[in-house]
Structure formats: structure tokens, C-alpha cells
Amino acid sequence: MKVNSDAAGNLKTKLTLQHNPTTAEILKFAIPSLLGVLLFLIPVTYNGKATIVIGIMADAIKGVAGAYLAQFMVGVLCLSALFSLVCKLLRPNFSEGTSWFKALFDVSWLWVSLRVIGAVFGVLTLFSLGPEFIHSDYTGGTILYELIPVLAVWFLLAAYTQREAAVIATNFSIASIAFSFVIINFMGLGHLFVPFYLTVILAGVITAMIIPRIPPLSRKKDVYYGPVGKQIDEVVPHGQSSWSWRLEKSC
């Protein structure tokens, strides 16, 4: 009976692992992936220069709302600082529990301080107040009027260990085609984007293979943030390919 029971269990596991994704599941996985490739990775020619689709979208947004993006982003900075202070000092009832408000604004005092400083710098730059080294065209002016309007259209949400997060943050400007696009256009060399990025890839791959293996990144612990813990399951079941497993997870 035990042998038969084990055989039945193995057969059930085998049938489970051999699950064939439906057409709807494949499309649910493939369409967003292809859209991401199209937006971020496929070079296109626009107005006589090589660029990427998300770059064209960013330029279009700047063209339509460019005159208001700086004010809008300073408003976001001020609201972020204000709500963080309210959450830390007043502890309103709606900020408790697992609400989105708590997740966004109940941060450490270090981050509250940084948000307040960022809001102050944003206001000084927007209205050209205070020391010139804060709001000049080469410091705050560059950040507020050149970089922020473009970077405002990029967002990233993921879950990583301490070491993974440190490695990604350290190598972000190397690995990100979007950030490279921002930099090359800021330098006025957009027409050289393709050879520039190919050079970045070569240098970036070599650098990214070395940096995580030397201090301080090599000393980072491969553990998740304590209060939250591990939020993702990356263990591929025995007998199942990583591709099919990730497809099922995404569906």
C-alpha cells in the first residue's frame, strides 16, 4: 500500500509539474514583457536621432506639461515632507495598520529629515531663493528643470535582499538603458546613443562582475528587511524549468 501511495503521489507531482500554460496565461506573460522590451530596449529613429520609445514619451510629456512639471514635483516633495512629519509627530488613526499612508510616510527620522531637506531645496530652487550654490543653473536648476522632468516618468517596484538592493543601486546607472538615455541627451550627444550605450554595456558588464565581489558590497548580508521578511518565492520546484515556473507565477 505504501508503494502504491508513493507512486500515486509521484504521478500527481509529475502531472502538476507538466502543466501546460493556456493561451491566455501565455499572453498575460508575453504581452507585458514584449511591451517592456519595446519601450526600453528597442532603438528607434525619431527626428533624425537614435532613441528609445520611452524617451519619446518622456519628451512628449515635457512638451505638453514642461512648464508645470517643476512646480508639480516641488509640490510632491513638500507633500511628502509634510505627511511624513504628520505621521511621525501626530500619529493619526488613519496612518496605523497596513494602510498605504503608513507604508509611504511612516519612515525613519533619517528619511523624514531627507524629505524635509529635499522639499526646502526644491522650494529654494523653484523661487531662486537663498544661496546661489543651491539654485544655480549648474546645481539645483539642473536637477529640477532638466533631470526631474524626465526621471518623473520612470518607476521601479521590486523586492530584494540587502545585498541585492545594494548591488542594484550601485550598478543602476550602468545597467539602465533609460538612465543612459537621460545622460546622453543631457550631454547633447543623443545622436551617438547607440555606440555610447554599446560602450556602456561592455564596460558595465565587466564592472558589474567585479564590484559585487569586493568590499563593501561583498560584505553585505544576503537577508531581507527584518520587519517585512521575504515576500517572494524564488525556489523552482524539482523537475520544472525556471521558465515555466516563472510563467505560472506571473499568471
Protein backbone atom coordinates (compact mmCIF):
# COMPACT_ATOMS: atom_id res chain seq x y z
CA MET A 1 0.00 0.00 0.00
CA LYS A 2 2.86 2.38 0.83
CA VAL A 3 4.49 1.75 -2.54
CA ASN A 4 1.21 2.40 -4.32
CA SER A 5 0.67 5.55 -2.25
CA ASP A 6 4.15 6.86 -3.11
CA ALA A 7 3.61 6.03 -6.77
CA ALA A 8 0.31 7.92 -6.78
CA GLY A 9 1.97 10.90 -5.11
CA ASN A 10 4.81 10.93 -7.64
CA LEU A 11 2.31 10.68 -10.50
CA LYS A 12 0.33 13.61 -9.09
CA THR A 13 3.50 15.69 -8.73
CA LYS A 14 4.58 14.80 -12.26
CA LEU A 15 1.23 15.80 -13.69
CA THR A 16 1.34 19.07 -11.74
CA LEU A 17 4.85 19.91 -12.96
CA GLN A 18 3.88 19.13 -16.56
CA HIS A 19 1.06 21.69 -16.52
CA ASN A 20 0.82 23.35 -19.91
CA PRO A 21 0.03 27.08 -19.73
CA THR A 22 -3.13 28.16 -21.51
CA THR A 23 -3.09 30.67 -24.35
CA ALA A 24 -4.48 33.33 -22.01
CA GLU A 25 -1.69 32.68 -19.47
CA ILE A 26 0.99 32.89 -22.17
CA LEU A 27 -0.42 36.16 -23.49
CA LYS A 28 -0.65 37.57 -19.98
CA PHE A 29 3.05 36.87 -19.59
CA ALA A 30 4.22 37.69 -23.11
CA ILE A 31 2.38 40.96 -23.85
CA PRO A 32 3.71 42.97 -20.86
CA SER A 33 7.18 41.53 -21.43
CA LEU A 34 7.18 42.49 -25.12
CA LEU A 35 5.80 45.91 -24.24
CA GLY A 36 8.66 46.44 -21.79
CA VAL A 37 11.20 45.41 -24.44
CA LEU A 38 9.61 47.77 -26.96
CA LEU A 39 9.58 50.70 -24.53
CA PHE A 40 13.03 50.29 -23.01
CA LEU A 41 15.28 48.19 -25.25
CA ILE A 42 14.45 48.70 -28.94
CA PRO A 43 16.36 51.60 -30.54
CA VAL A 44 14.25 53.71 -32.91
CA THR A 45 14.97 56.75 -35.04
CA TYR A 46 12.99 59.85 -34.14
CA ASN A 47 13.61 63.34 -35.52
CA GLY A 48 16.86 62.15 -37.05
CA LYS A 49 18.39 60.65 -33.91
CA ALA A 50 18.53 57.23 -32.27
CA THR A 51 16.44 56.93 -29.13
CA ILE A 52 14.02 54.59 -27.33
CA VAL A 53 10.23 54.71 -27.23
CA ILE A 54 10.01 55.65 -23.56
CA GLY A 55 12.36 58.54 -24.32
CA ILE A 56 9.97 59.79 -26.99
CA MET A 57 7.13 59.54 -24.48
CA ALA A 58 9.15 61.49 -21.91
CA ASP A 59 9.88 64.22 -24.45
CA ALA A 60 6.17 64.37 -25.35
CA ILE A 61 5.21 64.78 -21.69
CA LYS A 62 7.81 67.51 -21.28
CA GLY A 63 6.47 69.24 -24.37
CA VAL A 64 2.88 69.24 -23.12
CA ALA A 65 3.41 69.84 -19.41
CA GLY A 66 7.01 71.00 -19.28
CA ALA A 67 6.12 74.43 -17.90
CA TYR A 68 4.40 72.87 -14.90
CA LEU A 69 6.50 69.79 -14.13
CA ALA A 70 8.95 71.63 -11.89
CA GLN A 71 6.13 73.14 -9.80
CA PHE A 72 4.37 69.78 -9.66
CA MET A 73 7.47 67.92 -8.47
CA VAL A 74 8.23 70.54 -5.82
CA GLY A 75 4.64 70.13 -4.66
CA VAL A 76 5.19 66.37 -4.42
CA LEU A 77 8.36 66.95 -2.37
CA CYS A 78 6.53 69.30 0.00
CA LEU A 79 3.58 66.95 0.45
CA SER A 80 5.93 64.04 1.08
CA ALA A 81 7.77 66.01 3.78
CA LEU A 82 4.53 67.34 5.33
CA PHE A 83 2.77 63.96 5.51
CA SER A 84 5.90 62.29 6.87
CA LEU A 85 6.07 64.86 9.68
CA VAL A 86 2.34 64.45 10.39
CA CYS A 87 2.71 60.68 10.51
CA LYS A 88 5.71 60.80 12.87
CA LEU A 89 4.58 63.61 15.19
CA LEU A 90 0.78 63.33 15.36
CA ARG A 91 0.25 59.62 14.69
CA PRO A 92 -3.25 60.00 13.15
CA ASN A 93 -5.50 56.94 13.37
CA PHE A 94 -5.71 56.52 9.62
CA SER A 95 -1.91 56.12 9.45
CA GLU A 96 -1.89 52.99 11.61
CA GLY A 97 -2.19 49.41 10.46
CA THR A 98 -1.08 48.42 6.98
CA SER A 99 -2.60 51.34 5.09
CA TRP A 100 -0.93 52.85 2.06
CA PHE A 101 -0.45 56.07 4.02
CA LYS A 102 1.63 54.30 6.65
CA ALA A 103 3.65 52.46 4.00
CA LEU A 104 4.50 55.73 2.21
CA PHE A 105 5.04 58.14 5.09
CA ASP A 106 5.78 56.25 8.31
CA VAL A 107 9.52 56.15 7.67
CA SER A 108 12.56 56.56 9.89
CA TRP A 109 13.58 60.00 11.15
CA LEU A 110 16.57 59.90 8.80
CA TRP A 111 14.27 59.67 5.78
CA VAL A 112 11.91 62.28 7.23
CA SER A 113 14.88 64.64 7.55
CA LEU A 114 16.00 63.95 3.98
CA ARG A 115 12.47 64.58 2.69
CA VAL A 116 12.26 67.89 4.55
CA ILE A 117 15.69 68.96 3.26
CA GLY A 118 14.70 67.96 -0.28
CA ALA A 119 11.47 69.97 -0.03
CA VAL A 120 13.36 73.02 1.25
CA PHE A 121 15.92 72.77 -1.53
CA GLY A 122 13.12 72.35 -4.09
CA VAL A 123 11.32 75.49 -2.93
CA LEU A 124 14.58 77.50 -2.84
CA THR A 125 15.42 76.38 -6.37
CA LEU A 126 11.93 76.95 -7.76
CA PHE A 127 11.79 80.54 -6.49
CA SER A 128 15.55 81.26 -6.77
CA LEU A 129 15.87 81.97 -3.06
CA GLY A 130 18.80 81.60 -0.69
CA PRO A 131 22.43 80.86 -1.61
CA GLU A 132 23.13 80.66 -5.33
CA PHE A 133 25.01 77.36 -4.97
CA ILE A 134 21.64 75.75 -4.16
CA HIS A 135 19.51 77.10 -7.03
CA SER A 136 22.05 77.93 -9.74
CA ASP A 137 21.73 76.51 -13.25
CA TYR A 138 24.59 74.11 -12.53
CA THR A 139 23.17 72.64 -9.28
CA GLY A 140 19.52 72.79 -8.24
CA GLY A 141 18.45 74.23 -11.57
CA THR A 142 19.89 71.25 -13.44
CA ILE A 143 18.17 68.76 -11.16
CA LEU A 144 14.78 70.49 -11.03
CA TYR A 145 14.42 71.65 -14.62
CA GLU A 146 16.45 69.08 -16.59
CA LEU A 147 16.63 65.71 -14.82
CA ILE A 148 13.47 65.55 -12.69
CA PRO A 149 11.01 66.17 -15.57
CA VAL A 150 12.48 63.16 -17.39
CA LEU A 151 13.04 60.90 -14.39
CA ALA A 152 9.48 61.57 -13.20
CA VAL A 153 8.21 59.08 -15.81
CA TRP A 154 10.35 56.18 -14.58
CA PHE A 155 9.23 54.00 -11.68
CA LEU A 156 10.62 50.76 -10.17
CA LEU A 157 8.99 48.38 -7.70
CA ALA A 158 10.74 45.19 -6.55
CA ALA A 159 11.74 43.09 -3.52
CA TYR A 160 15.39 42.36 -2.84
CA THR A 161 17.74 41.30 -0.07
CA GLN A 162 20.16 43.79 1.48
CA ARG A 163 22.99 42.62 -0.77
CA GLU A 164 20.84 42.54 -3.92
CA ALA A 165 19.48 46.02 -3.26
CA ALA A 166 22.97 47.42 -2.65
CA VAL A 167 24.34 45.80 -5.81
CA ILE A 168 21.44 47.04 -7.96
CA ALA A 169 21.63 50.55 -6.54
CA THR A 170 25.39 50.69 -7.09
CA ASN A 171 25.17 49.46 -10.68
CA PHE A 172 21.92 51.21 -11.64
CA SER A 173 23.47 53.81 -13.94
CA ILE A 174 25.45 51.02 -15.59
CA ALA A 175 22.56 48.63 -16.19
CA SER A 176 19.75 51.06 -17.00
CA ILE A 177 19.27 51.94 -20.64
CA ALA A 178 16.71 54.54 -19.53
CA PHE A 179 19.18 56.37 -17.32
CA SER A 180 21.82 56.19 -20.04
CA PHE A 181 19.33 57.82 -22.40
CA VAL A 182 18.77 60.64 -19.92
CA ILE A 183 22.52 61.24 -19.54
CA ILE A 184 23.40 61.14 -23.25
CA ASN A 185 20.65 63.65 -24.08
CA PHE A 186 21.64 65.89 -21.18
CA MET A 187 25.16 65.95 -22.67
CA GLY A 188 23.76 66.89 -26.08
CA LEU A 189 25.05 63.70 -27.72
CA GLY A 190 21.74 61.96 -28.42
CA HIS A 191 22.78 61.17 -32.00
CA LEU A 192 25.54 58.92 -30.59
CA PHE A 193 23.21 56.98 -28.30
CA VAL A 194 23.75 53.54 -29.90
CA PRO A 195 27.59 53.48 -29.89
CA PHE A 196 27.53 55.17 -26.47
CA TYR A 197 25.30 52.51 -24.98
CA LEU A 198 27.24 49.65 -26.57
CA THR A 199 30.33 51.06 -24.85
CA VAL A 200 28.39 51.30 -21.59
CA ILE A 201 27.32 47.66 -21.93
CA LEU A 202 30.89 46.44 -22.41
CA ALA A 203 32.30 48.49 -19.56
CA GLY A 204 29.24 47.88 -17.39
CA VAL A 205 29.31 44.10 -17.66
CA ILE A 206 32.97 43.97 -16.68
CA THR A 207 32.50 46.42 -13.82
CA ALA A 208 29.30 44.81 -12.53
CA MET A 209 31.06 41.44 -12.36
CA ILE A 210 33.84 42.88 -10.21
CA ILE A 211 32.21 45.40 -7.86
CA PRO A 212 29.84 42.99 -6.01
CA ARG A 213 32.82 40.74 -5.21
CA ILE A 214 34.85 43.38 -3.39
CA PRO A 215 34.12 45.36 -0.20
CA PRO A 216 31.86 46.94 0.78
CA LEU A 217 29.27 45.12 -1.38
CA SER A 218 30.80 41.71 -0.74
CA ARG A 219 30.23 42.22 2.99
CA LYS A 220 26.51 42.93 2.65
CA LYS A 221 24.30 40.20 4.13
CA ASP A 222 22.01 38.30 1.78
CA VAL A 223 18.98 38.73 4.07
CA TYR A 224 15.66 40.52 3.76
CA TYR A 225 14.43 43.52 5.75
CA GLY A 226 13.51 42.16 9.18
CA PRO A 227 10.04 43.67 9.86
CA VAL A 228 8.81 42.65 6.41
CA GLY A 229 10.69 39.43 5.72
CA LYS A 230 10.87 37.59 2.43
CA GLN A 231 7.93 38.48 0.20
CA ILE A 232 8.78 36.40 -2.86
CA ASP A 233 9.33 32.70 -3.53
CA GLU A 234 12.22 32.04 -5.90
CA VAL A 235 12.62 28.28 -5.31
CA VAL A 236 11.96 26.43 -8.56
CA PRO A 237 10.19 23.08 -7.89
CA HIS A 238 12.17 19.96 -8.69
CA GLY A 239 11.65 18.78 -12.24
CA GLN A 240 10.29 22.09 -13.51
CA SER A 241 12.15 24.56 -15.69
CA SER A 242 12.70 28.06 -14.33
CA TRP A 243 10.98 29.49 -17.42
CA SER A 244 7.73 27.55 -17.00
CA TRP A 245 7.74 28.16 -13.25
CA ARG A 246 8.14 31.94 -13.65
CA LEU A 247 5.42 31.90 -16.30
CA GLU A 248 3.00 30.20 -13.89
CA LYS A 249 3.99 32.61 -11.08
CA SER A 250 3.37 35.66 -13.26
CA CYS A 251 -0.07 34.35 -14.20
